[in-house]
C-alpha atoms as a PDB file:
ATOM      1  CA  MET A   1       0.000   0.000   0.000  1.00  0.00           C
ATOM      2  CA  SER A   2       1.404   3.364  -0.975  1.00  0.00           C
ATOM      3  CA  LYS A   3       2.142   6.131   1.487  1.00  0.00           C
ATOM      4  CA  LYS A   4       0.097   9.321   1.126  1.00  0.00           C
ATOM      5  CA  ILE A   5       1.999  12.575   0.678  1.00  0.00           C
ATOM      6  CA  MET A   6       0.474  16.031   1.077  1.00  0.00           C
ATOM      7  CA  VAL A   7       2.463  18.657  -0.843  1.00  0.00           C
ATOM      8  CA  VAL A   8       2.300  22.181   0.579  1.00  0.00           C
ATOM      9  CA  ASP A   9       3.879  24.660  -1.830  1.00  0.00           C
ATOM     10  CA  ASP A  10       2.531  27.788  -3.507  1.00  0.00           C
ATOM     11  CA  SER A  11       4.393  26.874  -6.704  1.00  0.00           C
ATOM     12  CA  HIS A  12       2.240  24.804  -9.047  1.00  0.00           C
ATOM     13  CA  ILE A  13       5.470  23.777 -10.827  1.00  0.00           C
ATOM     14  CA  VAL A  14       6.888  22.251  -7.630  1.00  0.00           C
ATOM     15  CA  GLN A  15       3.582  20.451  -6.995  1.00  0.00           C
ATOM     16  CA  LEU A  16       3.668  18.962 -10.510  1.00  0.00           C
ATOM     17  CA  GLN A  17       7.362  18.102 -10.169  1.00  0.00           C
ATOM     18  CA  LEU A  18       6.729  16.153  -6.958  1.00  0.00           C
ATOM     19  CA  GLN A  19       3.721  14.386  -8.487  1.00  0.00           C
ATOM     20  CA  LYS A  20       5.861  13.342 -11.470  1.00  0.00           C
ATOM     21  CA  ILE A  21       8.803  12.228  -9.303  1.00  0.00           C
ATOM     22  CA  LEU A  22       6.604  10.172  -6.971  1.00  0.00           C
ATOM     23  CA  SER A  23       4.564   8.597  -9.766  1.00  0.00           C
ATOM     24  CA  GLY A  24       5.380   4.902  -9.929  1.00  0.00           C
ATOM     25  CA  THR A  25       6.945   4.817  -6.447  1.00  0.00           C
ATOM     26  CA  ASP A  26       5.570   3.649  -3.108  1.00  0.00           C
ATOM     27  CA  TYR A  27       4.366   7.228  -2.534  1.00  0.00           C
ATOM     28  CA  GLU A  28       1.326   9.005  -3.935  1.00  0.00           C
ATOM     29  CA  VAL A  29       0.539  12.711  -3.812  1.00  0.00           C
ATOM     30  CA  ALA A  30      -2.846  12.608  -2.095  1.00  0.00           C
ATOM     31  CA  ALA A  31      -3.302  16.389  -1.935  1.00  0.00           C
ATOM     32  CA  CYS A  32      -1.633  19.664  -2.867  1.00  0.00           C
ATOM     33  CA  CYS A  33      -2.058  22.850  -0.865  1.00  0.00           C
ATOM     34  CA  GLN A  34      -0.886  26.339  -1.757  1.00  0.00           C
ATOM     35  CA  SER A  35      -0.755  27.833   1.741  1.00  0.00           C
ATOM     36  CA  GLY A  36      -0.189  26.961   5.359  1.00  0.00           C
ATOM     37  CA  GLU A  37      -3.806  27.730   6.157  1.00  0.00           C
ATOM     38  CA  GLU A  38      -5.004  25.346   3.455  1.00  0.00           C
ATOM     39  CA  ALA A  39      -2.641  22.631   4.743  1.00  0.00           C
ATOM     40  CA  LEU A  40      -4.037  22.898   8.272  1.00  0.00           C
ATOM     41  CA  GLU A  41      -7.592  22.562   6.930  1.00  0.00           C
ATOM     42  CA  MET A  42      -6.773  19.730   4.524  1.00  0.00           C
ATOM     43  CA  TYR A  43      -4.709  17.585   6.932  1.00  0.00           C
ATOM     44  CA  ASN A  44      -7.755  16.133   8.716  1.00  0.00           C
ATOM     45  CA  GLN A  45      -9.379  15.200   5.409  1.00  0.00           C
ATOM     46  CA  VAL A  46      -6.312  13.558   3.870  1.00  0.00           C
ATOM     47  CA  HIS A  47      -4.532  12.015   6.885  1.00  0.00           C
ATOM     48  CA  PRO A  48      -1.244  11.917   4.971  1.00  0.00           C
ATOM     49  CA  ASP A  49       1.714   9.796   6.024  1.00  0.00           C
ATOM     50  CA  LEU A  50       4.011  12.747   5.275  1.00  0.00           C
ATOM     51  CA  VAL A  51       3.695  16.466   4.530  1.00  0.00           C
ATOM     52  CA  THR A  52       6.235  18.300   2.377  1.00  0.00           C
ATOM     53  CA  MET A  53       6.193  21.929   3.486  1.00  0.00           C
ATOM     54  CA  ASP A  54       7.594  24.953   1.666  1.00  0.00           C
ATOM     55  CA  ILE A  55       8.536  27.923   3.850  1.00  0.00           C
ATOM     56  CA  LEU A  56       7.867  31.008   1.730  1.00  0.00           C
ATOM     57  CA  MET A  57       4.158  31.102   0.902  1.00  0.00           C
ATOM     58  CA  PRO A  58       1.491  33.797   0.943  1.00  0.00           C
ATOM     59  CA  GLY A  59      -0.219  34.213   4.301  1.00  0.00           C
ATOM     60  CA  MET A  60       1.095  31.857   6.964  1.00  0.00           C
ATOM     61  CA  ASP A  61       4.643  30.693   6.271  1.00  0.00           C
ATOM     62  CA  GLY A  62       5.577  27.036   6.296  1.00  0.00           C
ATOM     63  CA  LEU A  63       7.431  27.109   9.614  1.00  0.00           C
ATOM     64  CA  GLU A  64       4.366  28.486  11.405  1.00  0.00           C
ATOM     65  CA  ALA A  65       2.103  26.030   9.581  1.00  0.00           C
ATOM     66  CA  ALA A  66       4.416  23.134  10.516  1.00  0.00           C
ATOM     67  CA  ARG A  67       4.468  24.264  14.153  1.00  0.00           C
ATOM     68  CA  LEU A  68       0.661  24.464  14.346  1.00  0.00           C
ATOM     69  CA  LEU A  69       0.244  21.177  12.479  1.00  0.00           C
ATOM     70  CA  LEU A  70       2.640  19.345  14.805  1.00  0.00           C
ATOM     71  CA  GLU A  71       1.009  20.863  17.899  1.00  0.00           C
ATOM     72  CA  ALA A  72      -2.390  19.581  16.738  1.00  0.00           C
ATOM     73  CA  HIS A  73      -1.034  16.282  15.362  1.00  0.00           C
ATOM     74  CA  PRO A  74       2.162  15.284  17.214  1.00  0.00           C
ATOM     75  CA  ASP A  75       2.476  12.121  15.083  1.00  0.00           C
ATOM     76  CA  ALA A  76       2.516  14.093  11.810  1.00  0.00           C
ATOM     77  CA  VAL A  77       5.659  13.748   9.708  1.00  0.00           C
ATOM     78  CA  VAL A  78       6.788  17.034   8.156  1.00  0.00           C
ATOM     79  CA  LEU A  79       9.612  17.389   5.640  1.00  0.00           C
ATOM     80  CA  ILE A  80      10.611  20.977   4.853  1.00  0.00           C
ATOM     81  CA  VAL A  81      11.286  21.563   1.136  1.00  0.00           C
ATOM     82  CA  SER A  82      12.617  25.079   0.606  1.00  0.00           C
ATOM     83  CA  SER A  83      15.196  27.305  -1.013  1.00  0.00           C
ATOM     84  CA  LEU A  84      15.694  29.062   2.359  1.00  0.00           C
ATOM     85  CA  ALA A  85      18.709  26.983   3.310  1.00  0.00           C
ATOM     86  CA  TYR A  86      20.056  29.101   6.150  1.00  0.00           C
ATOM     87  CA  ASP A  87      21.339  27.563   9.380  1.00  0.00           C
ATOM     88  CA  ASP A  88      18.815  29.452  11.518  1.00  0.00           C
ATOM     89  CA  THR A  89      15.949  28.328   9.258  1.00  0.00           C
ATOM     90  CA  ILE A  90      17.091  24.693   9.385  1.00  0.00           C
ATOM     91  CA  ASN A  91      17.551  24.906  13.161  1.00  0.00           C
ATOM     92  CA  GLU A  92      14.057  26.376  13.578  1.00  0.00           C
ATOM     93  CA  ALA A  93      12.563  23.634  11.405  1.00  0.00           C
ATOM     94  CA  THR A  94      14.304  20.988  13.524  1.00  0.00           C
ATOM     95  CA  ARG A  95      13.199  22.683  16.766  1.00  0.00           C
ATOM     96  CA  ILE A  96       9.581  22.678  15.573  1.00  0.00           C
ATOM     97  CA  GLY A  97       9.813  18.935  14.890  1.00  0.00           C
ATOM     98  CA  ALA A  98      10.387  18.642  11.132  1.00  0.00           C
ATOM     99  CA  LYS A  99      11.977  15.307  10.203  1.00  0.00           C
ATOM    100  CA  GLY A 100      14.234  16.736   7.518  1.00  0.00           C
ATOM    101  CA  PHE A 101      15.076  19.592   5.196  1.00  0.00           C
ATOM    102  CA  VAL A 102      15.390  19.351   1.413  1.00  0.00           C
ATOM    103  CA  TYR A 103      16.927  22.215  -0.535  1.00  0.00           C
ATOM    104  CA  LYS A 104      15.313  23.465  -3.727  1.00  0.00           C
ATOM    105  CA  PRO A 105      16.022  22.748  -6.470  1.00  0.00           C
ATOM    106  CA  PHE A 106      16.022  19.045  -5.599  1.00  0.00           C
ATOM    107  CA  GLU A 107      16.823  15.877  -7.510  1.00  0.00           C
ATOM    108  CA  ARG A 108      14.549  12.838  -7.779  1.00  0.00           C
ATOM    109  CA  ASP A 109      16.762  10.498  -5.737  1.00  0.00           C
ATOM    110  CA  GLN A 110      17.344  13.148  -3.078  1.00  0.00           C
ATOM    111  CA  ILE A 111      13.647  13.783  -2.436  1.00  0.00           C
ATOM    112  CA  ILE A 112      12.790  10.068  -2.374  1.00  0.00           C
ATOM    113  CA  ARG A 113      15.638   9.345   0.073  1.00  0.00           C
ATOM    114  CA  SER A 114      14.537  12.257   2.270  1.00  0.00           C
ATOM    115  CA  ILE A 115      10.916  11.031   2.324  1.00  0.00           C
ATOM    116  CA  GLN A 116      12.043   7.489   3.208  1.00  0.00           C
ATOM    117  CA  SER A 117      14.308   8.790   5.955  1.00  0.00           C
ATOM    118  CA  ALA A 118      11.603  11.032   7.447  1.00  0.00           C
ATOM    119  CA  LEU A 119       9.101   8.183   7.498  1.00  0.00           C
ATOM    120  CA  GLU A 120      11.603   5.835   9.166  1.00  0.00           C
ATOM    121  CA  GLN A 121      12.303   8.222  12.065  1.00  0.00           C
END
């Protein structure tokens, strides 16, 4: 049975890229959200095994959305996928409870390995 992934990114291109990469793997993109607010609403409907979370989005940023999501659902698995690859950003993501950080632009093997690693933690 495939694992459900919820992609949270305001870039439609990134959403499509992740759908294409995960097609034919043990992972399926069960939902795509364009904002942190939408992700918080959609989580209860989708019950994903993992959430990929961008940081820079309109409205609530991904770090705040991840924090609120993990407070409400401590068992949620969040993988940050962002171009904001600064030490303080990575440290904040880890402090919140994210299971990993993937830098954009990413490669197919890198994202699949990161998803596997996050789910194994």
